[in-house]
Amino acid sequence: MPIGDGLGRVIAQVIRHVKAFYGTTEVPACDGWDSREKQAGPHAPYLLQGAGHPSQIA
């Protein structure tokens, strides 16, 4: 994993791809889910929202 300026460039590239995928100027937001507390978490940008729910694989 690159660090420093390299990490910033990688994150910027991921964000550009996500924006292009959703056809929007912003990264889509999603409500987090606290599986331990069984309640919604804060509303925040979520880069992998289109990939599906990040549930644990049993």
C-alpha atoms as a PDB file:
ATOM      1  CA  MET A   1       0.000   0.000   0.000  1.00  0.00           C
ATOM      2  CA  PRO A   2       1.503   3.335  -0.990  1.00  0.00           C
ATOM      3  CA  ILE A   3       1.869   5.966   1.708  1.00  0.00           C
ATOM      4  CA  GLY A   4       2.176   9.743   1.669  1.00  0.00           C
ATOM      5  CA  ASP A   5       1.478  11.429  -1.668  1.00  0.00           C
ATOM      6  CA  GLY A   6       1.094   8.035  -3.336  1.00  0.00           C
ATOM      7  CA  LEU A   7      -1.781   7.130  -1.027  1.00  0.00           C
ATOM      8  CA  GLY A   8      -3.501  10.440  -1.777  1.00  0.00           C
ATOM      9  CA  ARG A   9      -3.252   9.775  -5.512  1.00  0.00           C
ATOM     10  CA  VAL A  10      -4.658   6.257  -5.094  1.00  0.00           C
ATOM     11  CA  ILE A  11      -7.614   7.524  -3.043  1.00  0.00           C
ATOM     12  CA  ALA A  12      -8.284  10.308  -5.572  1.00  0.00           C
ATOM     13  CA  GLN A  13      -8.257   7.767  -8.405  1.00  0.00           C
ATOM     14  CA  VAL A  14     -10.696   5.479  -6.561  1.00  0.00           C
ATOM     15  CA  ILE A  15     -13.016   8.434  -5.949  1.00  0.00           C
ATOM     16  CA  ARG A  16     -12.874   9.421  -9.652  1.00  0.00           C
ATOM     17  CA  HIS A  17     -13.816   5.868 -10.673  1.00  0.00           C
ATOM     18  CA  VAL A  18     -16.698   5.744  -8.171  1.00  0.00           C
ATOM     19  CA  LYS A  19     -18.056   9.101  -9.386  1.00  0.00           C
ATOM     20  CA  ALA A  20     -17.855   7.895 -12.993  1.00  0.00           C
ATOM     21  CA  PHE A  21     -19.562   4.595 -12.101  1.00  0.00           C
ATOM     22  CA  TYR A  22     -22.517   6.384 -10.464  1.00  0.00           C
ATOM     23  CA  GLY A  23     -22.531   9.200 -13.042  1.00  0.00           C
ATOM     24  CA  THR A  24     -22.441  11.863 -10.340  1.00  0.00           C
ATOM     25  CA  THR A  25     -20.178  14.642  -9.087  1.00  0.00           C
ATOM     26  CA  GLU A  26     -20.201  13.327  -5.512  1.00  0.00           C
ATOM     27  CA  VAL A  27     -19.462   9.998  -3.909  1.00  0.00           C
ATOM     28  CA  PRO A  28     -22.855   8.514  -2.930  1.00  0.00           C
ATOM     29  CA  ALA A  29     -23.716   8.501   0.739  1.00  0.00           C
ATOM     30  CA  CYS A  30     -25.005   5.612   2.768  1.00  0.00           C
ATOM     31  CA  ASP A  31     -26.058   5.050   6.344  1.00  0.00           C
ATOM     32  CA  GLY A  32     -23.599   2.922   8.237  1.00  0.00           C
ATOM     33  CA  TRP A  33     -24.894  -0.056  10.196  1.00  0.00           C
ATOM     34  CA  ASP A  34     -23.657  -1.063  13.632  1.00  0.00           C
ATOM     35  CA  SER A  35     -24.233  -4.818  13.670  1.00  0.00           C
ATOM     36  CA  ARG A  36     -23.322  -5.048  17.347  1.00  0.00           C
ATOM     37  CA  GLU A  37     -25.856  -2.378  18.397  1.00  0.00           C
ATOM     38  CA  LYS A  38     -28.345  -3.294  15.615  1.00  0.00           C
ATOM     39  CA  GLN A  39     -28.921   0.326  14.633  1.00  0.00           C
ATOM     40  CA  ALA A  40     -28.087   2.752  11.856  1.00  0.00           C
ATOM     41  CA  GLY A  41     -24.846   4.664  12.134  1.00  0.00           C
ATOM     42  CA  PRO A  42     -23.922   8.113  10.817  1.00  0.00           C
ATOM     43  CA  HIS A  43     -24.666   9.188   7.233  1.00  0.00           C
ATOM     44  CA  ALA A  44     -21.345   9.222   5.371  1.00  0.00           C
ATOM     45  CA  PRO A  45     -19.788   8.738   1.914  1.00  0.00           C
ATOM     46  CA  TYR A  46     -19.388   5.063   1.128  1.00  0.00           C
ATOM     47  CA  LEU A  47     -17.122   4.233  -1.796  1.00  0.00           C
ATOM     48  CA  LEU A  48     -18.276   0.649  -2.236  1.00  0.00           C
ATOM     49  CA  GLN A  49     -22.030   1.192  -1.845  1.00  0.00           C
ATOM     50  CA  GLY A  50     -22.788  -0.404  -5.211  1.00  0.00           C
ATOM     51  CA  ALA A  51     -20.931  -3.579  -4.289  1.00  0.00           C
ATOM     52  CA  GLY A  52     -23.653  -4.673  -1.883  1.00  0.00           C
ATOM     53  CA  HIS A  53     -24.020  -4.904   1.864  1.00  0.00           C
ATOM     54  CA  PRO A  54     -20.695  -5.516   3.603  1.00  0.00           C
ATOM     55  CA  SER A  55     -22.083  -8.354   5.709  1.00  0.00           C
ATOM     56  CA  GLN A  56     -19.783 -10.898   7.232  1.00  0.00           C
ATOM     57  CA  ILE A  57     -19.347 -14.038   5.192  1.00  0.00           C
ATOM     58  CA  ALA A  58     -20.373 -17.071   7.216  1.00  0.00           C
END
